[in-house]
């Protein structure tokens, strides 16, 4: 499994019984608390292994840090990442640090999967239901916190940090147990961007119902107040050619569906007959949501229809 379909991770077969799942991700701070930043970045990096149905086994840290910041700050970032990795049942066994004007942190993660049983973003089939496991809105909340710290309010920011810090392990275990057709995690390209990639790879189209998409507390109000990241605007532009909006869909909902996420949930394409079983497994394993947000349909590859 390489880069052909823009999947979440690469898969390299070692033999008949085992393949490696390989991925890397890192980014600048999106919250002020260095420990929380380390946890969020680690959870985000590990998520790509989960999205492939893999089991993470180890990671390497990638760090950029300015010389003029106290080393205690870096120590808190690394501690957050290490604790989150330990929660996932893996160790950070090495890494590399460079001097840089802007802090950056993330992980190169190694996982395993049985060859042929990996879950890709290219297996969705018409008739599948689309299930989302985390609420969206981290982009607008963190943008508000960065530009106007009082705007999000402590409850909204706390909710976003908790969501971003939550591992997708339970959601991944649920979809592996039930058996699904396709999956991806929802991160920087937003819900519409990652869904578009899934539909392109699967040579199918999709229908999304905005009223079914769960939102983090405060996200809608902050988006209405104008706290929209530049990445979100670029996301909307990138999929504009592929998305058809029902006249009843409000502009703010168009924005939120492209909101650039950090460490978002899994978007899972599951046969309709298995959707109930998947929802039950997701609930049992602690996923925040098992929201049926849409369906896969036949049609032009990558096309998305957004309805109220």
Protein backbone atom coordinates (compact mmCIF):
# COMPACT_ATOMS: atom_id res chain seq x y z
CA UNK A 1 0.00 0.00 0.00
CA UNK A 2 1.71 3.16 -1.17
CA UNK A 3 0.69 6.68 -2.09
CA UNK A 4 -1.63 5.79 -4.97
CA UNK A 5 -4.91 6.60 -3.21
CA UNK A 6 -3.59 9.09 -0.66
CA UNK A 7 -4.21 6.60 2.12
CA UNK A 8 -3.46 7.33 5.77
CA UNK A 9 -0.34 5.15 5.99
CA UNK A 10 1.89 2.89 3.92
CA UNK A 11 1.79 -0.88 4.32
CA UNK A 12 4.94 -2.94 3.68
CA UNK A 13 4.67 -6.73 3.68
CA UNK A 14 7.40 -8.61 5.53
CA UNK A 15 5.94 -12.06 5.00
CA UNK A 16 2.73 -14.04 4.75
CA UNK A 17 1.66 -13.27 8.32
CA UNK A 18 2.79 -9.71 9.02
CA UNK A 19 3.12 -6.33 7.33
CA UNK A 20 4.36 -3.02 8.69
CA UNK A 21 2.13 0.06 8.80
CA UNK A 22 4.26 3.21 8.45
CA UNK A 23 3.27 6.85 8.93
CA UNK A 24 4.61 10.22 10.09
CA UNK A 25 3.00 13.49 11.16
CA UNK A 26 4.05 16.63 13.06
CA UNK A 27 2.91 20.24 13.36
CA UNK A 28 3.34 23.48 15.37
CA UNK A 29 1.48 24.03 18.66
CA UNK A 30 -2.28 24.55 18.41
CA UNK A 31 -2.82 25.01 22.17
CA UNK A 32 -0.79 26.94 24.77
CA UNK A 33 -0.31 24.06 27.22
CA UNK A 34 2.87 22.22 26.10
CA UNK A 35 1.89 18.94 27.76
CA UNK A 36 -1.54 18.97 26.05
CA UNK A 37 0.14 19.85 22.76
CA UNK A 38 2.40 16.79 23.09
CA UNK A 39 -0.58 14.56 23.82
CA UNK A 40 -2.60 15.91 20.89
CA UNK A 41 0.24 15.58 18.41
CA UNK A 42 1.03 12.02 19.51
CA UNK A 43 -2.64 10.98 19.30
CA UNK A 44 -2.86 12.54 15.86
CA UNK A 45 0.23 10.70 14.62
CA UNK A 46 -0.85 7.32 15.97
CA UNK A 47 -4.32 7.75 14.45
CA UNK A 48 -3.12 6.97 10.93
CA UNK A 49 -2.18 3.45 12.01
CA UNK A 50 -5.59 2.99 13.59
CA UNK A 51 -7.30 4.25 10.42
CA UNK A 52 -5.66 1.39 8.50
CA UNK A 53 -6.90 -1.18 10.98
CA UNK A 54 -3.35 -1.65 12.27
CA UNK A 55 -1.87 -2.05 15.73
CA UNK A 56 0.85 0.48 16.66
CA UNK A 57 3.99 -1.08 18.14
CA UNK A 58 6.58 1.73 18.41
CA UNK A 59 7.31 5.33 17.47
CA UNK A 60 10.13 7.81 16.88
CA UNK A 61 9.82 11.46 17.92
CA UNK A 62 10.39 14.33 15.48
CA UNK A 63 11.02 17.66 17.18
CA UNK A 64 11.95 21.19 16.15
CA UNK A 65 12.58 23.63 18.97
CA UNK A 66 14.05 27.14 19.24
CA UNK A 67 17.20 27.52 21.33
CA UNK A 68 15.82 30.58 23.14
CA UNK A 69 12.86 28.77 24.74
CA UNK A 70 13.35 27.10 28.13
CA UNK A 71 14.15 23.38 27.80
CA UNK A 72 11.50 22.73 30.45
CA UNK A 73 8.88 23.57 27.82
CA UNK A 74 10.26 20.94 25.46
CA UNK A 75 10.36 18.45 28.33
CA UNK A 76 6.62 18.96 28.89
CA UNK A 77 5.86 18.46 25.19
CA UNK A 78 7.87 15.23 25.12
CA UNK A 79 6.26 14.05 28.36
CA UNK A 80 2.79 14.59 26.90
CA UNK A 81 3.70 12.61 23.81
CA UNK A 82 5.32 9.82 25.81
CA UNK A 83 2.31 9.48 28.12
CA UNK A 84 -0.10 9.32 25.18
CA UNK A 85 2.08 6.71 23.47
CA UNK A 86 2.11 4.68 26.69
CA UNK A 87 -1.69 4.89 26.76
CA UNK A 88 -1.66 3.41 23.24
CA UNK A 89 0.53 0.60 24.55
CA UNK A 90 3.68 1.62 22.69
CA UNK A 91 7.03 3.22 23.49
CA UNK A 92 8.77 6.18 21.86
CA UNK A 93 12.12 4.49 21.33
CA UNK A 94 14.15 7.33 19.79
CA UNK A 95 13.91 10.41 17.65
CA UNK A 96 15.63 13.52 16.38
CA UNK A 97 15.61 17.20 17.34
CA UNK A 98 16.68 20.26 15.33
CA UNK A 99 16.88 23.96 16.14
CA UNK A 100 14.03 25.90 14.53
CA UNK A 101 12.36 29.26 15.07
CA UNK A 102 8.94 27.64 15.55
CA UNK A 103 8.34 24.58 17.76
CA UNK A 104 7.10 21.45 16.01
CA UNK A 105 6.48 17.98 17.35
CA UNK A 106 5.12 14.69 16.12
CA UNK A 107 5.82 11.00 15.66
CA UNK A 108 6.87 8.53 13.01
CA UNK A 109 4.77 5.52 14.00
CA UNK A 110 5.28 1.86 13.17
CA UNK A 111 2.41 -0.60 13.36
CA UNK A 112 1.55 -4.08 12.17
CA UNK A 113 -1.33 -5.64 10.28
CA UNK A 114 -1.95 -9.00 8.64
CA UNK A 115 -1.29 -8.62 4.88
CA UNK A 116 -4.55 -8.19 3.01
CA UNK A 117 -6.60 -7.31 6.10
CA UNK A 118 -5.63 -3.63 6.16
CA UNK A 119 -8.51 -1.18 5.88
CA UNK A 120 -7.95 1.40 3.16
CA UNK A 121 -9.78 4.52 2.05
CA UNK A 122 -10.51 2.90 -1.34
CA UNK A 123 -12.99 0.14 -0.50
CA UNK A 124 -16.29 2.01 -0.04
CA UNK A 125 -19.26 0.52 -1.91
CA UNK A 126 -22.63 1.99 -2.95
CA UNK A 127 -25.15 1.26 -0.21
CA UNK A 128 -22.61 1.67 2.60
CA UNK A 129 -23.41 3.99 5.48
CA UNK A 130 -20.84 6.59 6.58
CA UNK A 131 -20.19 6.68 10.32
CA UNK A 132 -18.18 9.42 12.10
CA UNK A 133 -16.66 8.72 15.52
CA UNK A 134 -15.74 12.23 16.77
CA UNK A 135 -17.45 15.60 16.57
CA UNK A 136 -15.89 18.24 14.31
CA UNK A 137 -14.99 21.85 15.09
CA UNK A 138 -11.48 21.72 16.51
CA UNK A 139 -10.29 24.08 13.79
CA UNK A 140 -12.56 26.98 14.66
CA UNK A 141 -12.10 26.48 18.41
CA UNK A 142 -8.29 26.46 18.29
CA UNK A 143 -8.28 29.36 15.81
CA UNK A 144 -10.40 31.38 18.23
CA UNK A 145 -8.12 30.47 21.14
CA UNK A 146 -5.06 31.56 19.18
CA UNK A 147 -6.50 34.87 17.97
CA UNK A 148 -8.74 35.84 20.88
CA UNK A 149 -8.06 33.66 23.94
CA UNK A 150 -11.24 34.67 25.77
CA UNK A 151 -13.54 33.80 22.87
CA UNK A 152 -13.84 30.01 23.06
CA UNK A 153 -14.53 29.93 26.78
CA UNK A 154 -12.92 27.31 29.04
CA UNK A 155 -15.61 24.69 28.40
CA UNK A 156 -15.31 24.82 24.60
CA UNK A 157 -11.52 24.73 24.68
CA UNK A 158 -11.50 21.91 27.23
CA UNK A 159 -13.89 19.91 25.06
CA UNK A 160 -11.72 20.41 21.97
CA UNK A 161 -8.53 19.38 23.81
CA UNK A 162 -10.22 16.28 25.20
CA UNK A 163 -11.46 15.32 21.74
CA UNK A 164 -8.06 15.86 20.09
CA UNK A 165 -6.25 13.97 22.86
CA UNK A 166 -8.53 10.94 22.64
CA UNK A 167 -6.97 7.95 20.89
CA UNK A 168 -8.90 6.37 18.02
CA UNK A 169 -7.92 2.94 19.36
CA UNK A 170 -11.43 1.98 20.46
CA UNK A 171 -12.92 3.08 17.15
CA UNK A 172 -10.29 1.10 15.23
CA UNK A 173 -10.83 -2.02 17.33
CA UNK A 174 -14.58 -1.71 16.73
CA UNK A 175 -14.30 -1.52 12.96
CA UNK A 176 -11.82 -4.40 12.82
CA UNK A 177 -14.12 -6.54 14.98
CA UNK A 178 -17.18 -5.85 12.80
CA UNK A 179 -15.52 -5.74 9.36
CA UNK A 180 -15.91 -2.58 7.27
CA UNK A 181 -15.24 -1.60 3.68
CA UNK A 182 -13.18 1.59 4.07
CA UNK A 183 -11.98 4.13 6.60
CA UNK A 184 -9.93 7.30 6.99
CA UNK A 185 -9.28 9.66 9.86
CA UNK A 186 -10.57 13.23 9.60
CA UNK A 187 -7.73 15.71 10.00
CA UNK A 188 -6.37 18.72 8.12
CA UNK A 189 -8.47 18.42 4.96
CA UNK A 190 -11.73 18.50 6.90
CA UNK A 191 -14.67 16.13 6.60
CA UNK A 192 -15.37 17.00 2.97
CA UNK A 193 -11.73 16.75 1.93
CA UNK A 194 -11.14 13.34 3.48
CA UNK A 195 -14.50 12.06 2.21
CA UNK A 196 -13.63 13.29 -1.29
CA UNK A 197 -10.37 11.32 -1.13
CA UNK A 198 -12.22 8.21 0.01
CA UNK A 199 -14.75 8.50 -2.79
CA UNK A 200 -12.05 9.08 -5.40
CA UNK A 201 -10.13 6.02 -4.26
CA UNK A 202 -13.32 3.94 -4.14
CA UNK A 203 -14.63 5.26 -7.47
CA UNK A 204 -17.93 6.14 -5.80
CA UNK A 205 -19.90 9.21 -4.68
CA UNK A 206 -21.43 10.17 -1.34
CA UNK A 207 -24.33 11.99 0.24
CA UNK A 208 -23.85 13.83 3.56
CA UNK A 209 -26.62 15.18 5.81
CA UNK A 210 -25.44 18.24 7.72
CA UNK A 211 -28.03 17.81 10.48
CA UNK A 212 -26.46 14.47 11.42
CA UNK A 213 -22.86 15.68 11.71
CA UNK A 214 -21.91 16.11 15.40
CA UNK A 215 -20.28 19.42 16.35
CA UNK A 216 -18.13 20.25 19.36
CA UNK A 217 -19.72 22.65 21.83
CA UNK A 218 -19.08 26.24 20.77
CA UNK A 219 -17.91 25.39 17.25
CA UNK A 220 -20.91 26.77 15.42
CA UNK A 221 -20.98 30.02 17.39
CA UNK A 222 -17.24 30.60 16.87
CA UNK A 223 -17.52 29.91 13.15
CA UNK A 224 -20.37 32.42 12.93
CA UNK A 225 -18.12 34.91 14.73
CA UNK A 226 -15.56 34.53 11.92
CA UNK A 227 -12.90 32.33 13.54
CA UNK A 228 -12.18 30.34 10.40
CA UNK A 229 -8.67 29.07 9.71
CA UNK A 230 -6.97 29.70 6.40
CA UNK A 231 -6.68 25.94 5.96
CA UNK A 232 -10.45 25.63 6.13
CA UNK A 233 -10.88 28.18 3.34
CA UNK A 234 -8.34 26.28 1.22
CA UNK A 235 -10.19 23.05 1.94
CA UNK A 236 -13.42 24.53 0.60
CA UNK A 237 -11.66 25.75 -2.52
CA UNK A 238 -9.99 22.38 -3.08
CA UNK A 239 -13.26 20.42 -3.15
CA UNK A 240 -15.49 23.09 -4.71
CA UNK A 241 -15.46 21.30 -8.07
CA UNK A 242 -16.69 18.06 -6.50
CA UNK A 243 -19.31 19.26 -3.98
CA UNK A 244 -22.95 20.04 -4.74
CA UNK A 245 -24.87 21.81 -1.96
CA UNK A 246 -28.62 21.59 -1.50
CA UNK A 247 -30.11 25.13 -1.45
CA UNK A 248 -31.20 24.54 2.14
CA UNK A 249 -27.63 24.08 3.41
CA UNK A 250 -26.48 27.22 5.22
CA UNK A 251 -23.14 28.85 4.47
CA UNK A 252 -21.92 28.22 8.01
CA UNK A 253 -22.52 24.49 7.58
CA UNK A 254 -20.51 24.53 4.36
CA UNK A 255 -17.64 26.06 6.33
CA UNK A 256 -17.86 23.61 9.23
CA UNK A 257 -17.86 20.57 6.95
CA UNK A 258 -14.47 21.74 5.65
CA UNK A 259 -13.15 22.83 9.05
CA UNK A 260 -9.49 21.78 9.27
CA UNK A 261 -9.37 19.19 12.07
CA UNK A 262 -6.54 18.06 14.28
CA UNK A 263 -6.66 14.49 15.61
CA UNK A 264 -10.25 14.01 14.47
CA UNK A 265 -12.26 10.82 14.49
CA UNK A 266 -12.52 7.98 12.02
CA UNK A 267 -14.86 8.21 9.04
CA UNK A 268 -15.96 4.64 8.35
CA UNK A 269 -17.76 3.20 5.31
CA UNK A 270 -19.67 0.14 6.49
CA UNK A 271 -22.27 -2.09 4.81
CA UNK A 272 -25.73 -1.04 5.98
CA UNK A 273 -26.39 -4.50 7.40
CA UNK A 274 -23.40 -4.10 9.76
CA UNK A 275 -24.05 -0.49 10.82
CA UNK A 276 -25.95 -1.43 13.97
CA UNK A 277 -23.24 -3.84 15.07
CA UNK A 278 -20.57 -1.21 14.43
CA UNK A 279 -22.47 1.41 16.43
CA UNK A 280 -22.78 -1.03 19.33
CA UNK A 281 -19.05 -1.82 19.23
CA UNK A 282 -18.15 1.86 19.04
CA UNK A 283 -20.28 2.61 22.09
CA UNK A 284 -18.85 -0.33 23.99
CA UNK A 285 -15.26 0.73 23.25
CA UNK A 286 -15.71 4.37 24.25
CA UNK A 287 -15.88 6.21 20.93
CA UNK A 288 -17.53 9.61 21.50
CA UNK A 289 -19.93 9.19 18.58
CA UNK A 290 -21.30 6.60 16.20
CA UNK A 291 -23.07 9.14 14.00
CA UNK A 292 -24.47 7.97 10.66
CA UNK A 293 -23.67 11.15 8.72
CA UNK A 294 -24.31 9.94 5.18
CA UNK A 295 -24.19 7.17 2.62
CA UNK A 296 -22.14 5.98 -0.32
CA UNK A 297 -23.89 6.10 -3.69
CA UNK A 298 -23.07 5.35 -7.29
CA UNK A 299 -21.95 8.20 -9.50
CA UNK A 300 -18.94 10.21 -10.56
CA UNK A 301 -15.89 9.27 -8.51
CA UNK A 302 -15.29 11.76 -5.72
CA UNK A 303 -18.60 13.61 -6.08
CA UNK A 304 -20.24 14.71 -2.79
CA UNK A 305 -23.83 15.87 -2.36
CA UNK A 306 -24.49 17.90 0.80
CA UNK A 307 -28.06 18.00 2.11
CA UNK A 308 -29.64 19.58 5.21
